[in-house]
Protein backbone atom coordinates (compact mmCIF):
# COMPACT_ATOMS: atom_id res chain seq x y z
CA UNK A 1 88.11 161.62 102.36
CA UNK A 2 88.86 159.00 104.98
CA UNK A 3 90.95 159.49 108.07
CA UNK A 4 93.69 157.01 108.90
CA UNK A 5 91.98 155.59 111.93
CA UNK A 6 94.64 153.50 113.62
CA UNK A 7 93.76 155.58 116.65
CA UNK A 8 90.63 157.03 118.20
CA UNK A 9 89.09 160.03 116.45
CA UNK A 10 86.43 162.33 117.92
CA UNK A 11 84.76 164.98 115.76
CA UNK A 12 81.90 167.45 115.83
CA UNK A 13 79.71 167.68 112.73
CA UNK A 14 77.39 170.18 114.42
CA UNK A 15 76.66 171.69 117.81
CA UNK A 16 79.84 173.63 118.60
CA UNK A 17 80.09 177.38 118.13
CA UNK A 18 76.32 177.33 117.70
CA UNK A 19 73.08 176.41 119.46
CA UNK A 20 71.39 173.56 117.62
CA UNK A 21 72.01 170.80 115.03
CA UNK A 22 74.04 168.69 117.44
CA UNK A 23 75.95 165.85 115.81
CA UNK A 24 79.16 164.15 116.94
CA UNK A 25 81.20 161.21 115.74
CA UNK A 26 83.62 158.62 117.14
CA UNK A 27 85.83 156.53 114.89
CA UNK A 28 88.18 153.72 115.81
CA UNK A 29 89.80 151.79 112.96
CA UNK A 30 86.94 150.80 110.63
CA UNK A 31 84.12 151.61 113.04
CA UNK A 32 82.20 154.90 113.21
CA UNK A 33 79.46 155.67 115.73
CA UNK A 34 77.36 158.83 115.37
CA UNK A 35 75.80 160.70 118.30
CA UNK A 36 72.61 162.68 117.61
CA UNK A 37 71.51 164.33 114.38
CA UNK A 38 69.76 167.59 115.16
CA UNK A 39 68.50 170.62 113.31
CA UNK A 40 68.20 174.34 113.90
CA UNK A 41 66.01 177.07 112.48
CA UNK A 42 67.34 179.61 109.97
CA UNK A 43 67.62 183.33 110.65
CA UNK A 44 66.73 186.21 108.34
CA UNK A 45 70.04 185.81 106.46
CA UNK A 46 68.70 182.58 104.91
CA UNK A 47 65.50 183.59 103.08
CA UNK A 48 63.23 180.72 102.10
CA UNK A 49 65.20 178.09 104.02
CA UNK A 50 63.06 175.83 106.23
CA UNK A 51 65.68 174.04 108.30
CA UNK A 52 69.43 173.73 108.82
CA UNK A 53 70.95 170.27 109.32
CA UNK A 54 74.56 169.06 109.57
CA UNK A 55 76.71 168.34 106.52
CA UNK A 56 77.19 164.54 106.48
CA UNK A 57 79.67 164.38 103.59
CA UNK A 58 82.27 162.50 105.67
CA UNK A 59 79.72 159.89 106.76
CA UNK A 60 78.55 159.36 103.18
CA UNK A 61 82.13 158.94 102.00
CA UNK A 62 82.68 156.33 104.73
CA UNK A 63 79.22 154.83 104.97
CA UNK A 64 80.45 151.23 105.09
CA UNK A 65 82.13 152.08 108.42
CA UNK A 66 79.12 153.73 110.08
CA UNK A 67 77.70 151.25 112.61
CA UNK A 68 74.80 153.31 113.88
CA UNK A 69 73.31 156.50 115.29
CA UNK A 70 72.81 156.83 119.05
CA UNK A 71 70.35 159.53 120.14
CA UNK A 72 70.69 161.04 123.61
CA UNK A 73 67.12 162.43 123.83
CA UNK A 74 64.15 163.63 121.82
CA UNK A 75 64.61 167.38 121.41
CA UNK A 76 64.62 168.89 117.91
CA UNK A 77 68.25 170.01 118.14
CA UNK A 78 69.14 166.32 118.56
CA UNK A 79 66.61 164.48 116.33
CA UNK A 80 65.45 167.08 113.78
CA UNK A 81 67.93 166.00 111.09
CA UNK A 82 67.38 162.25 111.38
CA UNK A 83 64.88 161.90 108.49
CA UNK A 84 67.28 163.69 106.15
CA UNK A 85 70.19 161.52 107.35
CA UNK A 86 68.27 158.27 106.82
CA UNK A 87 67.24 159.32 103.30
CA UNK A 88 70.93 159.21 102.39
CA UNK A 89 72.36 156.75 104.89
CA UNK A 90 70.02 154.06 106.26
CA UNK A 91 71.79 153.04 109.46
CA UNK A 92 70.49 151.58 112.74
CA UNK A 93 69.13 154.17 115.20
CA UNK A 94 69.31 153.64 118.96
CA UNK A 95 67.37 155.66 121.53
CA UNK A 96 65.25 155.39 124.65
CA UNK A 97 61.53 154.64 124.37
CA UNK A 98 60.19 158.20 124.21
CA UNK A 99 63.05 159.30 121.95
CA UNK A 100 62.27 156.53 119.45
CA UNK A 101 58.57 157.38 119.69
CA UNK A 102 59.26 160.98 118.69
CA UNK A 103 61.61 159.87 115.90
CA UNK A 104 58.86 157.60 114.55
CA UNK A 105 56.57 160.62 114.11
CA UNK A 106 59.17 162.31 111.93
CA UNK A 107 59.98 159.22 109.91
CA UNK A 108 56.30 158.55 109.27
CA UNK A 109 55.85 162.10 107.91
CA UNK A 110 58.78 161.51 105.53
CA UNK A 111 57.63 158.04 104.46
CA UNK A 112 60.71 156.39 105.99
CA UNK A 113 59.27 154.50 108.95
CA UNK A 114 58.81 151.15 107.21
CA UNK A 115 62.47 150.85 106.18
CA UNK A 116 64.03 152.35 109.33
CA UNK A 117 65.94 150.13 111.76
CA UNK A 118 65.02 151.48 115.20
CA UNK A 119 66.22 150.01 118.51
CA UNK A 120 64.84 150.94 121.93
CA UNK A 121 67.50 151.11 124.66
CA UNK A 122 67.68 152.25 128.27
CA UNK A 123 70.29 153.05 130.90
CA UNK A 124 71.04 149.33 131.35
CA UNK A 125 71.55 148.55 127.67
CA UNK A 126 74.85 147.68 126.00
CA UNK A 127 75.75 147.92 122.32
CA UNK A 128 78.75 146.58 120.44
CA UNK A 129 79.96 148.54 117.41
CA UNK A 130 83.04 146.71 116.18
CA UNK A 131 85.84 147.49 118.61
CA UNK A 132 83.68 150.05 120.45
CA UNK A 133 81.53 148.95 123.40
CA UNK A 134 78.70 151.32 124.31
CA UNK A 135 76.84 151.65 127.61
CA UNK A 136 74.60 154.32 129.12
CA UNK A 137 73.59 156.23 132.23
CA UNK A 138 70.51 158.25 133.22
CA UNK A 139 70.52 162.05 133.33
CA UNK A 140 67.77 164.59 133.99
CA UNK A 141 66.72 167.26 131.50
CA UNK A 142 63.48 168.92 130.41
CA UNK A 143 62.30 165.75 128.67
CA UNK A 144 62.21 162.17 130.02
CA UNK A 145 64.45 159.39 128.77
CA UNK A 146 67.72 161.33 128.58
CA UNK A 147 70.86 159.26 128.38
CA UNK A 148 74.55 159.88 128.77
CA UNK A 149 76.78 157.58 126.74
CA UNK A 150 79.99 155.71 127.62
CA UNK A 151 82.19 154.49 124.75
CA UNK A 152 84.72 151.88 125.80
CA UNK A 153 87.56 151.85 123.28
CA UNK A 154 91.09 150.42 123.26
CA UNK A 155 92.34 154.01 123.77
CA UNK A 156 90.21 154.50 126.89
CA UNK A 157 86.68 155.52 127.79
CA UNK A 158 84.94 158.43 126.08
CA UNK A 159 81.83 159.87 127.73
CA UNK A 160 79.18 162.07 126.11
CA UNK A 161 76.93 163.63 128.75
CA UNK A 162 74.01 164.52 126.49
CA UNK A 163 71.97 167.48 127.75
CA UNK A 164 71.76 167.43 131.53
CA UNK A 165 71.03 169.18 134.78
CA UNK A 166 71.14 167.75 138.28
CA UNK A 167 67.44 168.00 139.13
CA UNK A 168 67.06 165.96 142.32
CA UNK A 169 63.26 166.36 142.37
CA UNK A 170 62.28 165.82 138.72
CA UNK A 171 58.65 165.89 137.63
CA UNK A 172 59.03 162.34 136.34
CA UNK A 173 61.91 159.93 136.70
CA UNK A 174 64.47 158.77 136.40
CA UNK A 175 66.68 160.73 138.75
CA UNK A 176 70.19 161.60 137.58
CA UNK A 177 72.25 158.51 138.38
CA UNK A 178 75.07 160.05 140.41
CA UNK A 179 76.29 156.65 141.63
CA UNK A 180 76.68 155.39 138.06
CA UNK A 181 78.44 158.60 137.02
CA UNK A 182 80.85 158.32 139.94
CA UNK A 183 81.50 154.68 139.08
CA UNK A 184 82.29 155.63 135.48
CA UNK A 185 84.72 158.23 136.80
CA UNK A 186 86.43 155.61 138.98
CA UNK A 187 86.89 153.34 135.96
CA UNK A 188 88.69 156.19 134.21
CA UNK A 189 87.52 158.64 131.56
CA UNK A 190 89.99 159.55 128.84
CA UNK A 191 87.78 162.18 127.13
CA UNK A 192 84.58 163.85 128.30
CA UNK A 193 82.26 165.60 125.84
CA UNK A 194 80.10 167.77 128.08
CA UNK A 195 77.37 170.23 127.15
CA UNK A 196 78.10 173.93 127.73
CA UNK A 197 74.77 175.74 127.24
CA UNK A 198 74.66 177.34 130.70
CA UNK A 199 78.40 177.60 131.31
CA UNK A 200 77.99 181.36 131.81
CA UNK A 201 75.30 181.03 134.50
CA UNK A 202 76.50 180.81 138.10
CA UNK A 203 75.02 178.46 140.68
CA UNK A 204 72.57 175.63 140.09
CA UNK A 205 69.64 175.51 137.67
CA UNK A 206 66.32 175.42 139.59
CA UNK A 207 64.12 172.32 139.54
CA UNK A 208 61.37 171.98 136.96
CA UNK A 209 58.91 171.49 139.84
CA UNK A 210 59.13 175.21 140.63
CA UNK A 211 57.58 175.97 137.24
CA UNK A 212 54.65 173.69 138.04
CA UNK A 213 53.88 175.69 141.19
CA UNK A 214 53.79 178.97 139.21
CA UNK A 215 51.65 177.43 136.47
CA UNK A 216 49.10 176.20 139.02
CA UNK A 217 49.02 179.61 140.70
CA UNK A 218 48.34 181.33 137.34
CA UNK A 219 45.56 178.86 136.55
CA UNK A 220 43.94 179.54 139.93
CA UNK A 221 44.14 183.33 139.49
CA UNK A 222 42.80 183.41 135.92
CA UNK A 223 39.17 184.56 135.65
CA UNK A 224 38.71 183.50 132.03
CA UNK A 225 40.43 181.13 129.64
CA UNK A 226 44.11 180.25 130.03
CA UNK A 227 46.32 179.86 126.98
CA UNK A 228 49.75 178.41 127.66
CA UNK A 229 52.53 177.77 125.14
CA UNK A 230 55.65 175.67 125.56
CA UNK A 231 57.84 173.31 123.56
CA UNK A 232 55.80 170.27 122.58
CA UNK A 233 58.74 168.01 123.47
CA UNK A 234 59.00 169.42 127.02
CA UNK A 235 56.95 166.49 128.30
CA UNK A 236 57.64 167.23 131.97
CA UNK A 237 56.19 170.72 131.62
CA UNK A 238 53.22 169.42 129.65
CA UNK A 239 52.47 167.06 132.55
CA UNK A 240 52.50 169.98 134.99
CA UNK A 241 50.11 171.90 132.73
CA UNK A 242 47.82 168.85 132.64
CA UNK A 243 47.99 168.66 136.45
CA UNK A 244 47.10 172.37 136.77
CA UNK A 245 44.11 171.93 134.47
CA UNK A 246 42.88 168.97 136.51
CA UNK A 247 43.42 170.82 139.81
CA UNK A 248 41.39 173.84 138.66
CA UNK A 249 38.65 171.89 136.90
CA UNK A 250 39.49 173.16 133.42
CA UNK A 251 39.14 171.24 130.19
CA UNK A 252 42.29 171.18 128.03
CA UNK A 253 42.51 171.90 124.30
CA UNK A 254 45.62 171.00 122.29
CA UNK A 255 46.55 173.31 119.40
CA UNK A 256 49.38 172.70 116.96
CA UNK A 257 50.23 169.53 115.07
CA UNK A 258 53.48 168.87 116.92
CA UNK A 259 51.74 169.31 120.29
CA UNK A 260 49.00 166.85 119.36
CA UNK A 261 51.54 164.32 118.03
CA UNK A 262 53.94 164.51 120.98
CA UNK A 263 51.17 164.33 123.59
CA UNK A 264 49.68 161.33 121.81
CA UNK A 265 52.99 159.44 121.72
CA UNK A 266 53.97 160.37 125.29
CA UNK A 267 50.55 159.34 126.59
CA UNK A 268 50.61 156.00 124.74
CA UNK A 269 54.09 155.24 126.12
CA UNK A 270 53.11 156.12 129.69
CA UNK A 271 55.11 159.34 130.01
CA UNK A 272 52.00 161.51 130.39
CA UNK A 273 49.14 160.85 132.77
CA UNK A 274 46.05 162.49 131.26
CA UNK A 275 42.51 161.73 132.52
CA UNK A 276 40.26 160.44 129.75
CA UNK A 277 37.71 163.27 129.98
CA UNK A 278 40.23 166.14 130.20
CA UNK A 279 40.94 166.74 126.52
CA UNK A 280 38.37 168.37 124.27
CA UNK A 281 38.39 169.53 120.65
CA UNK A 282 38.80 173.23 119.77
CA UNK A 283 35.23 173.51 118.47
CA UNK A 284 33.87 172.24 121.81
CA UNK A 285 35.10 175.19 123.86
CA UNK A 286 31.82 177.11 123.43
CA UNK A 287 30.08 174.40 125.44
CA UNK A 288 31.94 175.41 128.63
CA UNK A 289 32.34 178.64 130.63
CA UNK A 290 35.53 180.57 129.89
CA UNK A 291 36.76 179.88 133.44
CA UNK A 292 36.71 176.15 132.69
CA UNK A 293 38.86 176.23 129.54
CA UNK A 294 42.64 175.95 129.15
CA UNK A 295 44.51 175.77 125.85
CA UNK A 296 47.97 174.23 125.41
CA UNK A 297 49.57 175.32 122.16
CA UNK A 298 52.77 175.49 120.15
CA UNK A 299 54.52 178.74 119.22
CA UNK A 300 56.55 179.66 122.31
CA UNK A 301 59.34 180.88 119.99
CA UNK A 302 57.09 183.19 117.97
CA UNK A 303 57.11 180.96 114.88
CA UNK A 304 54.86 182.71 112.31
CA UNK A 305 52.78 179.63 111.43
CA UNK A 306 52.53 178.16 114.94
CA UNK A 307 49.29 178.19 116.92
CA UNK A 308 50.20 181.04 119.30
CA UNK A 309 51.15 183.40 116.47
CA UNK A 310 47.88 182.66 114.70
CA UNK A 311 45.94 183.25 117.91
CA UNK A 312 47.77 186.53 118.52
CA UNK A 313 46.87 187.81 115.06
CA UNK A 314 43.29 186.43 115.06
CA UNK A 315 44.10 183.96 112.28
CA UNK A 316 43.19 180.73 114.07
CA UNK A 317 40.14 179.05 112.52
CA UNK A 318 38.60 177.74 115.76
CA UNK A 319 39.55 179.91 118.75
CA UNK A 320 40.02 183.61 119.25
CA UNK A 321 41.66 185.35 122.21
CA UNK A 322 39.30 187.67 124.08
CA UNK A 323 40.07 190.60 126.40
CA UNK A 324 40.79 189.30 129.89
CA UNK A 325 42.13 185.89 128.78
CA UNK A 326 45.44 184.87 130.34
CA UNK A 327 48.29 183.87 128.03
CA UNK A 328 51.38 182.18 129.49
CA UNK A 329 54.59 181.67 127.52
CA UNK A 330 56.31 178.87 129.43
CA UNK A 331 59.61 178.80 127.55
CA UNK A 332 62.69 180.95 127.12
CA UNK A 333 63.48 182.31 123.66
CA UNK A 334 66.16 180.53 121.69
CA UNK A 335 68.84 183.04 120.61
CA UNK A 336 67.65 184.64 117.37
CA UNK A 337 63.94 184.22 118.07
CA UNK A 338 63.56 187.23 120.36
CA UNK A 339 62.17 189.55 117.68
CA UNK A 340 59.47 187.15 116.52
CA UNK A 341 58.43 186.42 120.08
CA UNK A 342 58.26 190.12 120.96
CA UNK A 343 55.95 190.69 118.00
CA UNK A 344 53.63 187.93 119.21
CA UNK A 345 53.59 189.32 122.76
CA UNK A 346 52.71 192.78 121.42
CA UNK A 347 49.83 191.34 119.41
CA UNK A 348 48.55 189.49 122.48
CA UNK A 349 48.46 192.74 124.44
CA UNK A 350 46.58 194.37 121.55
CA UNK A 351 43.94 191.63 121.91
CA UNK A 352 43.52 192.61 125.56
CA UNK A 353 45.14 189.48 126.99
CA UNK A 354 46.99 189.27 130.29
CA UNK A 355 50.41 188.01 129.21
CA UNK A 356 52.85 186.21 131.52
CA UNK A 357 56.28 185.63 130.00
CA UNK A 358 59.99 185.70 130.78
CA UNK A 359 62.48 183.27 132.30
CA UNK A 360 63.62 182.89 135.89
CA UNK A 361 62.19 184.92 138.72
CA UNK A 362 60.50 187.45 136.43
CA UNK A 363 57.57 185.11 135.79
CA UNK A 364 58.55 181.72 137.20
CA UNK A 365 57.17 180.10 134.05
CA UNK A 366 60.42 178.72 132.75
CA UNK A 367 63.60 177.17 134.06
CA UNK A 368 66.37 175.88 131.89
CA UNK A 369 66.84 172.19 131.23
CA UNK A 370 70.61 172.67 131.21
CA UNK A 371 72.98 172.60 134.14
CA UNK A 372 74.60 175.83 135.33
CA UNK A 373 78.20 176.32 136.42
CA UNK A 374 78.07 174.31 139.64
CA UNK A 375 76.42 171.39 137.86
CA UNK A 376 79.02 171.43 135.09
CA UNK A 377 81.73 171.37 137.76
CA UNK A 378 79.92 168.51 139.51
CA UNK A 379 79.89 166.49 136.29
CA UNK A 380 83.60 167.15 135.81
CA UNK A 381 84.29 166.11 139.41
CA UNK A 382 82.29 162.89 139.07
CA UNK A 383 83.83 161.90 135.73
CA UNK A 384 87.41 163.04 136.44
CA UNK A 385 88.30 163.17 132.72
CA UNK A 386 91.88 163.44 131.50
CA UNK A 387 90.69 165.53 128.55
CA UNK A 388 87.59 167.69 128.06
CA UNK A 389 85.88 168.69 124.81
CA UNK A 390 83.16 171.26 125.61
CA UNK A 391 80.24 170.85 123.19
CA UNK A 392 76.69 172.13 122.69
CA UNK A 393 77.22 175.87 122.83
CA UNK A 394 78.52 179.02 121.23
CA UNK A 395 82.20 179.89 121.52
CA UNK A 396 81.87 182.03 124.66
CA UNK A 397 80.08 179.13 126.39
CA UNK A 398 82.77 176.64 125.38
CA UNK A 399 85.43 179.07 126.57
CA UNK A 400 83.71 179.54 129.94
CA UNK A 401 83.44 175.77 130.29
CA UNK A 402 87.20 175.54 129.89
CA UNK A 403 87.64 178.00 132.76
CA UNK A 404 85.32 175.89 134.91
CA UNK A 405 87.36 172.80 134.08
CA UNK A 406 90.53 174.60 135.04
CA UNK A 407 88.96 175.52 138.40
CA UNK A 408 88.43 171.82 139.24
CA UNK A 409 91.95 170.81 138.29
CA UNK A 410 91.89 169.96 134.59
CA UNK A 411 94.93 171.52 132.88
CA UNK A 412 94.16 174.19 130.30
CA UNK A 413 96.10 172.28 127.63
CA UNK A 414 93.83 169.27 128.16
CA UNK A 415 90.69 171.16 127.12
CA UNK A 416 89.98 171.26 123.37
CA UNK A 417 87.72 174.03 122.12
CA UNK A 418 86.92 172.80 118.62
CA UNK A 419 84.87 173.93 115.67
CA UNK A 420 82.54 171.85 113.53
CA UNK A 421 84.74 169.65 111.37
CA UNK A 422 87.70 169.65 113.77
CA UNK A 423 88.93 166.28 115.00
CA UNK A 424 90.66 165.26 118.21
CA UNK A 425 92.85 162.16 117.86
CA UNK A 426 93.88 159.96 120.77
CA UNK A 427 96.88 157.75 120.11
CA UNK A 428 98.75 155.87 122.83
CA UNK A 429 96.92 157.85 125.48
CA UNK A 430 97.81 161.28 124.07
CA UNK A 431 95.18 163.64 122.61
CA UNK A 432 96.03 166.05 119.80
CA UNK A 433 94.12 168.08 117.21
CA UNK A 434 93.89 166.10 113.97
CA UNK A 435 92.92 166.75 110.38
CA UNK A 436 89.65 168.55 109.72
CA UNK A 437 86.81 166.74 107.96
CA UNK A 438 84.02 168.24 105.79
CA UNK A 439 81.40 170.04 107.85
CA UNK A 440 78.97 172.91 107.69
CA UNK A 441 75.30 173.53 107.05
CA UNK A 442 72.99 171.62 104.74
CA UNK A 443 69.97 173.77 103.99
CA UNK A 444 66.52 172.22 103.68
CA UNK A 445 64.08 174.06 101.43
CA UNK A 446 60.86 172.15 100.80
CA UNK A 447 61.83 168.70 99.57
CA UNK A 448 65.34 169.77 98.59
CA UNK A 449 68.34 168.99 100.77
CA UNK A 450 71.56 170.89 100.13
CA UNK A 451 70.48 172.29 96.76
CA UNK A 452 70.28 175.83 98.12
CA UNK A 453 73.86 177.10 98.08
CA UNK A 454 75.62 180.43 98.36
CA UNK A 455 74.70 181.54 94.83
CA UNK A 456 71.01 180.82 95.34
CA UNK A 457 71.05 182.58 98.72
CA UNK A 458 72.85 185.57 97.21
CA UNK A 459 70.13 185.85 94.56
CA UNK A 460 67.39 185.56 97.18
CA UNK A 461 68.97 188.25 99.34
CA UNK A 462 69.28 190.54 96.32
CA UNK A 463 65.67 189.92 95.37
CA UNK A 464 64.50 190.58 98.92
CA UNK A 465 66.47 193.82 99.26
CA UNK A 466 66.18 195.51 95.84
CA UNK A 467 63.77 193.45 93.77
CA UNK A 468 64.07 192.44 90.13
CA UNK A 469 63.93 194.12 86.71
CA UNK A 470 63.06 191.96 83.71
CA UNK A 471 64.11 193.19 80.23
CA UNK A 472 62.37 191.44 77.33
CA UNK A 473 63.75 192.01 73.82
CA UNK A 474 62.63 190.41 70.55
CA UNK A 475 65.29 189.98 67.83
CA UNK A 476 65.10 188.91 64.23
CA UNK A 477 66.73 185.54 63.79
CA UNK A 478 67.99 186.39 60.32
CA UNK A 479 68.95 190.07 60.62
CA UNK A 480 69.71 190.32 64.36
CA UNK A 481 67.78 193.59 64.80
CA UNK A 482 65.00 194.32 67.27
CA UNK A 483 61.59 193.63 65.81
CA UNK A 484 59.55 195.41 68.50
CA UNK A 485 60.34 197.84 71.27
CA UNK A 486 61.79 196.17 74.40
CA UNK A 487 59.62 195.73 77.48
CA UNK A 488 60.81 196.46 81.03
CA UNK A 489 58.99 194.76 83.91
CA UNK A 490 59.55 195.68 87.58
CA UNK A 491 58.97 193.21 90.41
CA UNK A 492 59.84 194.49 93.89
CA UNK A 493 62.03 197.27 92.46
CA UNK A 494 59.67 200.22 91.94
CA UNK A 495 55.91 200.58 91.47
CA UNK A 496 55.63 201.40 87.77
CA UNK A 497 52.70 203.83 88.04
CA UNK A 498 54.58 205.93 90.59
CA UNK A 499 57.89 205.82 88.71
CA UNK A 500 56.94 206.39 85.09
CA UNK A 501 59.77 208.85 84.49
CA UNK A 502 62.41 206.43 85.79
CA UNK A 503 60.98 203.49 83.83
CA UNK A 504 60.94 205.64 80.69
CA UNK A 505 64.60 206.52 81.21
CA UNK A 506 65.48 202.85 81.71
CA UNK A 507 63.59 201.90 78.56
CA UNK A 508 65.43 204.61 76.60
CA UNK A 509 68.76 203.30 77.92
CA UNK A 510 67.80 199.71 76.98
CA UNK A 511 66.97 200.85 73.43
CA UNK A 512 70.30 202.65 73.20
CA UNK A 513 72.30 199.65 74.43
CA UNK A 514 70.47 197.23 72.12
CA UNK A 515 70.95 199.54 69.11
CA UNK A 516 74.69 199.65 69.77
CA UNK A 517 74.84 195.89 70.18
CA UNK A 518 72.92 195.13 66.99
CA UNK A 519 74.94 197.69 65.01
CA UNK A 520 78.10 195.87 66.07
CA UNK A 521 76.46 192.61 64.90
CA UNK A 522 76.96 190.94 68.25
CA UNK A 523 75.08 187.64 68.04
CA UNK A 524 76.11 185.79 71.19
CA UNK A 525 73.19 185.85 73.58
CA UNK A 526 75.26 185.56 76.74
CA UNK A 527 77.31 188.62 75.76
CA UNK A 528 74.18 190.63 74.95
CA UNK A 529 72.64 189.68 78.30
CA UNK A 530 75.79 190.50 80.26
CA UNK A 531 76.15 193.88 78.52
CA UNK A 532 72.52 194.71 79.33
CA UNK A 533 73.06 193.74 82.97
CA UNK A 534 76.21 195.86 83.28
CA UNK A 535 74.98 198.96 81.44
CA UNK A 536 71.46 199.08 82.87
CA UNK A 537 72.71 198.14 86.35
CA UNK A 538 75.15 201.07 86.38
CA UNK A 539 72.47 203.47 85.18
CA UNK A 540 69.92 202.33 87.77
CA UNK A 541 72.46 202.61 90.59
CA UNK A 542 73.40 206.13 89.49
CA UNK A 543 69.72 207.13 89.62
CA UNK A 544 68.46 205.20 92.67
CA UNK A 545 71.46 203.79 94.60
CA UNK A 546 69.74 200.40 94.33
CA UNK A 547 70.99 197.17 92.79
CA UNK A 548 67.97 195.13 91.63
CA UNK A 549 68.52 191.77 89.99
CA UNK A 550 68.42 192.38 86.23
CA UNK A 551 67.10 189.48 84.18
CA UNK A 552 67.40 189.97 80.38
CA UNK A 553 65.18 187.72 78.24
CA UNK A 554 65.93 187.48 74.50
CA UNK A 555 63.26 186.10 72.19
CA UNK A 556 64.51 185.19 68.73
CA UNK A 557 61.92 185.18 65.96
């Protein structure tokens, strides 16, 4: 489909009513500009799925109009889907230096770097996309090189804040450019797309520097080795961990591929200051006393294959946690990851480690990179938008953001709480909800993109809950009768040796059903298979209250 774009159209392809896979779109006439292309991790309802990315059907249907992708910063929920986008739609990508550096890592892994068109921009850059002029401003977040975006269109200015907080003492610059934001507000903002992650939290979000003080204190107090886990892309926190290691005379080991890659890129680009002799390899730790070793690793979300999970379960090939070691989890759990992280923390305690975890004042090891209520109101006050579209958050966060907007004078009717696929159209200065466009989740499983749909997921859920029963029958090609007794194979349904009576009953029922079918001279395989599924399925449920997947196999000889 293609929208009639004689006006300005704003849409979310991901990032609203959810945390993750942020992707937004502006269209004016024949020009489309895309903002971010993130990913998010699946939950237990999506067995076997590796990653969730936005559905880009609308962009593919209108690819001749897409002028480029602008990336606000380098976090996974904003860049994780880019390789999958560029495999289908090779468009120019614009981002700040560190952001492009992190994107390059991903594109290299996917074999796309050579053909990608990447452009490094900064807060002073300007881009022209047809009738849309694009400029930028600096914000602060938990990673350097964060940009807000200003789209100058014939229908007025549209501003996307990106992820932000007003940290006036950031670990590394730049500072949030309040003067530029105020100037943009004076010029007039028709629509503001502002992130809503912390719209439920009162007050201001503390500065990242406070975390650095707590990290240093923990390093000083630790008698043995220190293991610390955080997001690899949280470069500001990584720098504070490096500083704490230097201050306490500890060597630093990096564990986890993403941590090694991000630190390498950030160091090469000048975003991390790491002394040459600080880093050592994992197999060199035995050369130093335990009190002189620190380990920075991935796995702060409890990911099963990440370094921290492997350490907690004694599965890491090079390093093992010993009683008395200090383990710091310097990140807050993303919603949905709490169970995995709790399991890792339990395992760390079993190993005898001293574990420091938790957000806010409970440990001091994590502060959010997102602005709280007073900062969201400050952004609204600086920008003075006529219309607000809260983005980047679940519904309750978007709703709370609308209340905050109302408290600073923006009429309730001028705030659009949208869902992925909804459009807001601005025509002659008036904003209204427009036609919906295709949206949703594209599921990545291995090398496949979007080939895992509802039917496949239904089968996987059934297999994971009740297992599978395979029925093998051999029929005569000429006479249609069974040549040998059928075979019933259980996989994940019951253990055959412990359920011989049940399996014997099932086999008897299969024989009975097949005898009836062959007596009636039924020769259509699909009908035989469906009858077996129905009859045996009903019998098994009556005996066990389970519904295994039944897979009939007919061999014709």
